[in-house]
Amino acid sequence: MTDLRIRAATPDDLDAVLAFWKVAAEGTSISDDRSGVERLVDRDPEALILAERADELVGTVIAGFDGWRCHLYRLAVHPERRRQGVGAALLGAAEERFVRLGGRRGDAMVLDDNALAQHAWRAAGYAPEPQWSRWVKPLVG
């Protein structure tokens, strides 16, 4: 793992990140486009965290903090790099960021049908809260 580099994304990384998500991420989001990710990085330059090995993008996580809660999105590891500690390193970096910012608890968006992701989140110490459901409303048509 010593060859793994964890860093914040820059605007120059955004096209590579979007292409990476098509290979490594499950599901899609209304914000999965250049302008959506650009807004994220412009608003919070440290929120999109990348993992690289030998200059190859191997993982991502979005660690968003709104001043109240710590939200984790888009934890994605390249399929050929899974089970090598990449996800754990990304979550460690995200959690350290949250603690620095005064966060007290992280929450993650995990697809109900993604058993592999559920296993990874449980292994990292996260658990579902069955009393909560996610309610959404698209704001653009």
N, C-alpha and C. Protein backbone atom coordinates (compact mmCIF):
# COMPACT_ATOMS: atom_id res chain seq x y z
N MET A 1 0.82 -1.21 0.00
CA MET A 1 0.00 0.00 0.00
C MET A 1 0.85 1.26 0.00
N THR A 2 2.14 1.14 0.19
CA THR A 2 2.96 2.34 0.26
C THR A 2 2.99 3.09 -1.06
N ASP A 3 2.64 2.42 -2.15
CA ASP A 3 2.64 3.10 -3.45
C ASP A 3 1.31 3.77 -3.76
N LEU A 4 0.38 3.75 -2.82
CA LEU A 4 -0.92 4.38 -3.02
C LEU A 4 -0.84 5.84 -2.63
N ARG A 5 -1.28 6.71 -3.51
CA ARG A 5 -1.29 8.15 -3.25
C ARG A 5 -2.73 8.61 -3.12
N ILE A 6 -3.04 9.28 -2.02
CA ILE A 6 -4.37 9.83 -1.76
C ILE A 6 -4.26 11.35 -1.87
N ARG A 7 -5.16 11.96 -2.66
CA ARG A 7 -5.11 13.41 -2.82
C ARG A 7 -6.48 13.94 -3.23
N ALA A 8 -6.65 15.23 -3.07
CA ALA A 8 -7.87 15.89 -3.52
C ALA A 8 -7.82 16.06 -5.04
N ALA A 9 -8.96 15.93 -5.67
CA ALA A 9 -9.06 16.12 -7.11
C ALA A 9 -8.87 17.60 -7.45
N THR A 10 -8.41 17.83 -8.64
CA THR A 10 -8.30 19.19 -9.18
C THR A 10 -9.21 19.28 -10.41
N PRO A 11 -9.47 20.47 -10.90
CA PRO A 11 -10.28 20.58 -12.12
C PRO A 11 -9.72 19.77 -13.30
N ASP A 12 -8.41 19.59 -13.34
CA ASP A 12 -7.81 18.82 -14.43
C ASP A 12 -8.15 17.34 -14.37
N ASP A 13 -8.64 16.85 -13.23
CA ASP A 13 -8.95 15.43 -13.05
C ASP A 13 -10.37 15.06 -13.45
N LEU A 14 -11.23 16.02 -13.69
CA LEU A 14 -12.66 15.74 -13.75
C LEU A 14 -13.07 14.82 -14.89
N ASP A 15 -12.50 14.97 -16.07
CA ASP A 15 -12.86 14.07 -17.17
C ASP A 15 -12.44 12.64 -16.84
N ALA A 16 -11.26 12.48 -16.25
CA ALA A 16 -10.79 11.14 -15.87
C ALA A 16 -11.69 10.54 -14.80
N VAL A 17 -12.15 11.35 -13.86
CA VAL A 17 -13.04 10.86 -12.81
C VAL A 17 -14.36 10.38 -13.41
N LEU A 18 -14.94 11.16 -14.29
CA LEU A 18 -16.21 10.77 -14.91
C LEU A 18 -16.05 9.47 -15.71
N ALA A 19 -14.96 9.33 -16.43
CA ALA A 19 -14.71 8.09 -17.17
C ALA A 19 -14.49 6.93 -16.20
N PHE A 20 -13.79 7.18 -15.10
CA PHE A 20 -13.54 6.14 -14.10
C PHE A 20 -14.84 5.64 -13.49
N TRP A 21 -15.75 6.55 -13.17
CA TRP A 21 -17.02 6.14 -12.57
C TRP A 21 -17.82 5.22 -13.49
N LYS A 22 -17.68 5.38 -14.80
CA LYS A 22 -18.39 4.50 -15.74
C LYS A 22 -17.89 3.07 -15.63
N VAL A 23 -16.65 2.90 -15.21
CA VAL A 23 -16.04 1.57 -15.07
C VAL A 23 -16.21 1.03 -13.66
N ALA A 24 -16.06 1.89 -12.66
CA ALA A 24 -15.91 1.42 -11.28
C ALA A 24 -17.10 1.68 -10.36
N ALA A 25 -17.96 2.63 -10.68
CA ALA A 25 -19.05 2.99 -9.78
C ALA A 25 -20.32 2.25 -10.16
N GLU A 26 -21.14 1.97 -9.16
CA GLU A 26 -22.44 1.34 -9.38
C GLU A 26 -23.49 2.44 -9.43
N GLY A 27 -24.42 2.33 -10.36
CA GLY A 27 -25.49 3.31 -10.42
C GLY A 27 -25.03 4.62 -11.02
N THR A 28 -25.99 5.49 -11.23
CA THR A 28 -25.69 6.80 -11.78
C THR A 28 -26.39 7.86 -10.94
N SER A 29 -25.97 9.08 -11.14
CA SER A 29 -26.54 10.20 -10.42
C SER A 29 -26.86 11.30 -11.42
N ILE A 30 -27.83 12.10 -11.09
CA ILE A 30 -28.18 13.25 -11.92
C ILE A 30 -27.00 14.23 -12.03
N SER A 31 -26.06 14.13 -11.10
CA SER A 31 -24.90 15.03 -11.07
C SER A 31 -23.67 14.44 -11.75
N ASP A 32 -23.81 13.29 -12.38
CA ASP A 32 -22.67 12.65 -13.03
C ASP A 32 -22.39 13.26 -14.40
N ASP A 33 -22.03 14.52 -14.39
CA ASP A 33 -21.60 15.19 -15.61
C ASP A 33 -20.54 16.21 -15.23
N ARG A 34 -19.89 16.74 -16.23
CA ARG A 34 -18.77 17.65 -15.99
C ARG A 34 -19.20 18.84 -15.13
N SER A 35 -20.33 19.45 -15.44
CA SER A 35 -20.73 20.64 -14.69
C SER A 35 -21.07 20.29 -13.23
N GLY A 36 -21.65 19.13 -12.99
CA GLY A 36 -21.97 18.73 -11.62
C GLY A 36 -20.72 18.53 -10.79
N VAL A 37 -19.75 17.82 -11.34
CA VAL A 37 -18.52 17.56 -10.59
C VAL A 37 -17.68 18.83 -10.48
N GLU A 38 -17.74 19.67 -11.50
CA GLU A 38 -17.04 20.96 -11.46
C GLU A 38 -17.56 21.82 -10.30
N ARG A 39 -18.90 21.86 -10.15
CA ARG A 39 -19.49 22.63 -9.05
C ARG A 39 -19.01 22.11 -7.70
N LEU A 40 -18.94 20.79 -7.57
CA LEU A 40 -18.46 20.19 -6.32
C LEU A 40 -17.05 20.66 -6.00
N VAL A 41 -16.16 20.52 -6.96
CA VAL A 41 -14.75 20.87 -6.73
C VAL A 41 -14.58 22.38 -6.54
N ASP A 42 -15.36 23.19 -7.25
CA ASP A 42 -15.29 24.64 -7.06
C ASP A 42 -15.75 25.03 -5.66
N ARG A 43 -16.84 24.42 -5.21
CA ARG A 43 -17.43 24.77 -3.91
C ARG A 43 -16.59 24.25 -2.75
N ASP A 44 -16.07 23.02 -2.89
CA ASP A 44 -15.32 22.39 -1.81
C ASP A 44 -14.15 21.61 -2.42
N PRO A 45 -13.02 22.26 -2.62
CA PRO A 45 -11.89 21.65 -3.33
C PRO A 45 -11.31 20.39 -2.69
N GLU A 46 -11.64 20.12 -1.45
CA GLU A 46 -11.10 18.91 -0.80
C GLU A 46 -12.11 17.77 -0.71
N ALA A 47 -13.31 17.96 -1.24
CA ALA A 47 -14.37 16.96 -1.06
C ALA A 47 -14.18 15.72 -1.93
N LEU A 48 -13.70 15.87 -3.14
CA LEU A 48 -13.51 14.73 -4.03
C LEU A 48 -12.09 14.22 -3.84
N ILE A 49 -12.00 13.04 -3.25
CA ILE A 49 -10.70 12.45 -2.89
C ILE A 49 -10.40 11.32 -3.86
N LEU A 50 -9.17 11.31 -4.37
CA LEU A 50 -8.73 10.30 -5.34
C LEU A 50 -7.66 9.41 -4.74
N ALA A 51 -7.65 8.17 -5.20
CA ALA A 51 -6.56 7.24 -4.90
C ALA A 51 -5.89 6.90 -6.22
N GLU A 52 -4.57 7.02 -6.23
CA GLU A 52 -3.79 6.71 -7.43
C GLU A 52 -2.68 5.74 -7.08
N ARG A 53 -2.41 4.88 -8.03
CA ARG A 53 -1.28 3.97 -7.90
C ARG A 53 -0.54 4.03 -9.24
N ALA A 54 0.72 4.40 -9.19
CA ALA A 54 1.55 4.53 -10.40
C ALA A 54 0.86 5.43 -11.43
N ASP A 55 0.36 6.58 -10.96
CA ASP A 55 -0.31 7.57 -11.81
C ASP A 55 -1.59 7.06 -12.46
N GLU A 56 -2.13 5.95 -11.98
CA GLU A 56 -3.41 5.43 -12.47
C GLU A 56 -4.47 5.68 -11.41
N LEU A 57 -5.61 6.23 -11.82
CA LEU A 57 -6.73 6.44 -10.91
C LEU A 57 -7.30 5.08 -10.56
N VAL A 58 -7.31 4.74 -9.25
CA VAL A 58 -7.80 3.43 -8.82
C VAL A 58 -8.98 3.53 -7.86
N GLY A 59 -9.30 4.75 -7.38
CA GLY A 59 -10.43 4.88 -6.47
C GLY A 59 -10.82 6.32 -6.23
N THR A 60 -12.08 6.49 -5.81
CA THR A 60 -12.61 7.82 -5.48
C THR A 60 -13.55 7.72 -4.29
N VAL A 61 -13.70 8.83 -3.61
CA VAL A 61 -14.78 9.00 -2.66
C VAL A 61 -15.08 10.50 -2.58
N ILE A 62 -16.34 10.83 -2.42
CA ILE A 62 -16.73 12.21 -2.16
C ILE A 62 -17.03 12.29 -0.66
N ALA A 63 -16.32 13.20 0.01
CA ALA A 63 -16.48 13.41 1.45
C ALA A 63 -17.04 14.81 1.65
N GLY A 64 -18.35 14.91 1.60
CA GLY A 64 -19.01 16.21 1.70
C GLY A 64 -19.39 16.54 3.13
N PHE A 65 -19.11 17.76 3.54
CA PHE A 65 -19.47 18.23 4.88
C PHE A 65 -20.23 19.53 4.72
N ASP A 66 -21.44 19.56 5.26
CA ASP A 66 -22.29 20.74 5.11
C ASP A 66 -22.29 21.63 6.35
N GLY A 67 -21.38 21.35 7.27
CA GLY A 67 -21.32 22.11 8.51
C GLY A 67 -22.08 21.43 9.64
N TRP A 68 -22.89 20.47 9.29
CA TRP A 68 -23.68 19.73 10.27
C TRP A 68 -23.40 18.24 10.18
N ARG A 69 -23.48 17.72 8.96
CA ARG A 69 -23.32 16.27 8.77
C ARG A 69 -22.23 15.96 7.76
N CYS A 70 -21.70 14.77 7.88
CA CYS A 70 -20.64 14.27 7.01
C CYS A 70 -21.23 13.22 6.08
N HIS A 71 -21.21 13.49 4.79
CA HIS A 71 -21.83 12.60 3.81
C HIS A 71 -20.78 12.00 2.89
N LEU A 72 -20.89 10.70 2.67
CA LEU A 72 -19.97 9.99 1.79
C LEU A 72 -20.71 9.48 0.56
N TYR A 73 -20.14 9.76 -0.59
CA TYR A 73 -20.72 9.35 -1.86
C TYR A 73 -19.61 8.84 -2.75
N ARG A 74 -20.00 8.09 -3.75
CA ARG A 74 -19.12 7.69 -4.83
C ARG A 74 -17.82 7.02 -4.37
N LEU A 75 -17.93 6.19 -3.32
CA LEU A 75 -16.79 5.32 -3.00
C LEU A 75 -16.74 4.29 -4.12
N ALA A 76 -15.73 4.38 -4.93
CA ALA A 76 -15.58 3.49 -6.08
C ALA A 76 -14.12 3.08 -6.19
N VAL A 77 -13.92 1.80 -6.39
CA VAL A 77 -12.57 1.26 -6.59
C VAL A 77 -12.59 0.47 -7.90
N HIS A 78 -11.55 0.66 -8.68
CA HIS A 78 -11.47 -0.05 -9.95
C HIS A 78 -11.64 -1.55 -9.70
N PRO A 79 -12.44 -2.23 -10.51
CA PRO A 79 -12.69 -3.66 -10.27
C PRO A 79 -11.42 -4.52 -10.14
N GLU A 80 -10.36 -4.16 -10.84
CA GLU A 80 -9.12 -4.94 -10.75
C GLU A 80 -8.27 -4.56 -9.55
N ARG A 81 -8.66 -3.55 -8.80
CA ARG A 81 -7.89 -3.08 -7.65
C ARG A 81 -8.63 -3.28 -6.32
N ARG A 82 -9.76 -3.95 -6.36
CA ARG A 82 -10.54 -4.17 -5.14
C ARG A 82 -9.85 -5.18 -4.25
N ARG A 83 -10.15 -5.07 -2.96
CA ARG A 83 -9.60 -5.95 -1.93
C ARG A 83 -8.08 -5.78 -1.78
N GLN A 84 -7.62 -4.55 -2.04
CA GLN A 84 -6.20 -4.23 -1.89
C GLN A 84 -5.99 -3.05 -0.94
N GLY A 85 -7.04 -2.67 -0.21
CA GLY A 85 -6.93 -1.58 0.75
C GLY A 85 -7.21 -0.20 0.22
N VAL A 86 -7.58 -0.09 -1.05
CA VAL A 86 -7.83 1.22 -1.65
C VAL A 86 -9.04 1.88 -0.99
N GLY A 87 -10.14 1.15 -0.88
CA GLY A 87 -11.35 1.70 -0.26
C GLY A 87 -11.11 2.12 1.17
N ALA A 88 -10.40 1.28 1.92
CA ALA A 88 -10.10 1.61 3.32
C ALA A 88 -9.26 2.87 3.42
N ALA A 89 -8.30 3.03 2.52
CA ALA A 89 -7.45 4.24 2.54
C ALA A 89 -8.27 5.48 2.20
N LEU A 90 -9.18 5.36 1.23
CA LEU A 90 -10.04 6.49 0.88
C LEU A 90 -10.96 6.86 2.04
N LEU A 91 -11.57 5.86 2.67
CA LEU A 91 -12.44 6.15 3.81
C LEU A 91 -11.66 6.73 4.97
N GLY A 92 -10.45 6.25 5.20
CA GLY A 92 -9.61 6.83 6.24
C GLY A 92 -9.34 8.30 6.00
N ALA A 93 -9.03 8.65 4.75
CA ALA A 93 -8.78 10.05 4.41
C ALA A 93 -10.04 10.88 4.58
N ALA A 94 -11.18 10.34 4.17
CA ALA A 94 -12.45 11.06 4.31
C ALA A 94 -12.78 11.29 5.78
N GLU A 95 -12.61 10.26 6.59
CA GLU A 95 -12.92 10.39 8.02
C GLU A 95 -11.98 11.37 8.71
N GLU A 96 -10.72 11.37 8.34
CA GLU A 96 -9.78 12.35 8.89
C GLU A 96 -10.21 13.77 8.52
N ARG A 97 -10.64 13.95 7.30
CA ARG A 97 -11.14 15.27 6.86
C ARG A 97 -12.33 15.69 7.71
N PHE A 98 -13.27 14.78 7.92
CA PHE A 98 -14.45 15.10 8.71
C PHE A 98 -14.08 15.50 10.14
N VAL A 99 -13.18 14.77 10.75
CA VAL A 99 -12.77 15.09 12.12
C VAL A 99 -12.12 16.47 12.16
N ARG A 100 -11.26 16.77 11.19
CA ARG A 100 -10.63 18.11 11.12
C ARG A 100 -11.66 19.21 11.03
N LEU A 101 -12.76 18.94 10.32
CA LEU A 101 -13.80 19.94 10.12
C LEU A 101 -14.81 20.00 11.28
N GLY A 102 -14.68 19.11 12.25
CA GLY A 102 -15.59 19.10 13.39
C GLY A 102 -16.75 18.13 13.24
N GLY A 103 -16.71 17.28 12.24
CA GLY A 103 -17.78 16.30 12.05
C GLY A 103 -17.77 15.24 13.14
N ARG A 104 -18.95 14.70 13.41
CA ARG A 104 -19.10 13.70 14.47
C ARG A 104 -19.53 12.33 13.99
N ARG A 105 -20.14 12.28 12.81
CA ARG A 105 -20.64 10.99 12.32
C ARG A 105 -20.74 11.06 10.81
N GLY A 106 -20.26 10.02 10.16
CA GLY A 106 -20.36 9.96 8.71
C GLY A 106 -21.51 9.08 8.29
N ASP A 107 -22.14 9.46 7.20
CA ASP A 107 -23.16 8.58 6.62
C ASP A 107 -22.85 8.35 5.16
N ALA A 108 -23.31 7.23 4.64
CA ALA A 108 -22.99 6.84 3.28
C ALA A 108 -24.25 6.45 2.52
N MET A 109 -24.24 6.76 1.24
CA MET A 109 -25.29 6.32 0.33
C MET A 109 -24.83 4.98 -0.25
N VAL A 110 -25.59 3.91 0.00
CA VAL A 110 -25.22 2.57 -0.48
C VAL A 110 -26.45 1.95 -1.14
N LEU A 111 -26.29 1.51 -2.37
CA LEU A 111 -27.40 0.91 -3.09
C LEU A 111 -27.87 -0.37 -2.39
N ASP A 112 -29.17 -0.53 -2.27
CA ASP A 112 -29.74 -1.70 -1.60
C ASP A 112 -29.33 -3.01 -2.27
N ASP A 113 -29.17 -3.01 -3.57
CA ASP A 113 -28.86 -4.24 -4.30
C ASP A 113 -27.36 -4.48 -4.48
N ASN A 114 -26.52 -3.64 -3.91
CA ASN A 114 -25.08 -3.78 -4.11
C ASN A 114 -24.46 -4.49 -2.90
N ALA A 115 -24.51 -5.82 -2.92
CA ALA A 115 -24.02 -6.62 -1.79
C ALA A 115 -22.53 -6.42 -1.56
N LEU A 116 -21.75 -6.28 -2.63
CA LEU A 116 -20.32 -6.06 -2.49
C LEU A 116 -20.04 -4.77 -1.73
N ALA A 117 -20.75 -3.71 -2.10
CA ALA A 117 -20.56 -2.43 -1.41
C ALA A 117 -21.01 -2.53 0.04
N GLN A 118 -22.12 -3.19 0.29
CA GLN A 118 -22.60 -3.33 1.66
C GLN A 118 -21.56 -4.04 2.52
N HIS A 119 -20.94 -5.07 1.96
CA HIS A 119 -19.88 -5.78 2.70
C HIS A 119 -18.71 -4.83 3.01
N ALA A 120 -18.31 -4.05 2.02
CA ALA A 120 -17.19 -3.12 2.22
C ALA A 120 -17.51 -2.08 3.29
N TRP A 121 -18.72 -1.53 3.25
CA TRP A 121 -19.10 -0.52 4.24
C TRP A 121 -19.16 -1.13 5.64
N ARG A 122 -19.72 -2.33 5.76
CA ARG A 122 -19.76 -3.00 7.07
C ARG A 122 -18.35 -3.25 7.60
N ALA A 123 -17.46 -3.69 6.71
CA ALA A 123 -16.07 -3.95 7.12
C ALA A 123 -15.39 -2.68 7.60
N ALA A 124 -15.83 -1.52 7.11
CA ALA A 124 -15.26 -0.24 7.52
C ALA A 124 -15.93 0.31 8.78
N GLY A 125 -16.90 -0.42 9.34
CA GLY A 125 -17.53 0.00 10.58
C GLY A 125 -18.85 0.72 10.42
N TYR A 126 -19.38 0.79 9.22
CA TYR A 126 -20.66 1.46 8.97
C TYR A 126 -21.78 0.43 9.04
N ALA A 127 -22.98 0.89 9.38
CA ALA A 127 -24.14 0.00 9.46
C ALA A 127 -25.37 0.76 8.98
N PRO A 128 -26.31 0.04 8.37
CA PRO A 128 -27.54 0.71 7.94
C PRO A 128 -28.40 1.09 9.14
N GLU A 129 -29.17 2.13 8.96
CA GLU A 129 -30.14 2.54 9.98
C GLU A 129 -31.53 2.27 9.40
N PRO A 130 -32.15 1.17 9.80
CA PRO A 130 -33.40 0.76 9.14
C PRO A 130 -34.57 1.71 9.37
N GLN A 131 -34.46 2.61 10.33
CA GLN A 131 -35.57 3.54 10.58
C GLN A 131 -35.59 4.72 9.62
N TRP A 132 -34.56 4.84 8.75
CA TRP A 132 -34.47 5.95 7.82
C TRP A 132 -34.66 5.48 6.39
N SER A 133 -35.27 6.31 5.59
CA SER A 133 -35.35 6.11 4.15
C SER A 133 -34.90 7.38 3.48
N ARG A 134 -34.34 7.24 2.31
CA ARG A 134 -33.90 8.41 1.54
C ARG A 134 -35.06 8.88 0.68
N TRP A 135 -35.39 10.12 0.80
CA TRP A 135 -36.46 10.74 0.00
C TRP A 135 -35.80 11.72 -0.95
N VAL A 136 -36.14 11.66 -2.21
CA VAL A 136 -35.51 12.55 -3.18
C VAL A 136 -36.55 13.20 -4.08
N LYS A 137 -36.18 14.33 -4.61
CA LYS A 137 -36.99 15.04 -5.59
C LYS A 137 -36.03 15.71 -6.59
N PRO A 138 -36.05 15.28 -7.84
CA PRO A 138 -35.21 15.97 -8.83
C PRO A 138 -35.65 17.44 -8.94
N LEU A 139 -34.67 18.32 -8.97
CA LEU A 139 -34.96 19.76 -9.04
C LEU A 139 -34.86 20.30 -10.46
N VAL A 140 -34.40 19.48 -11.38
CA VAL A 140 -34.32 19.87 -12.79
C VAL A 140 -34.98 18.78 -13.61
N GLY A 141 -35.56 19.15 -14.72
CA GLY A 141 -36.29 18.19 -15.54
C GLY A 141 -35.48 17.66 -16.58
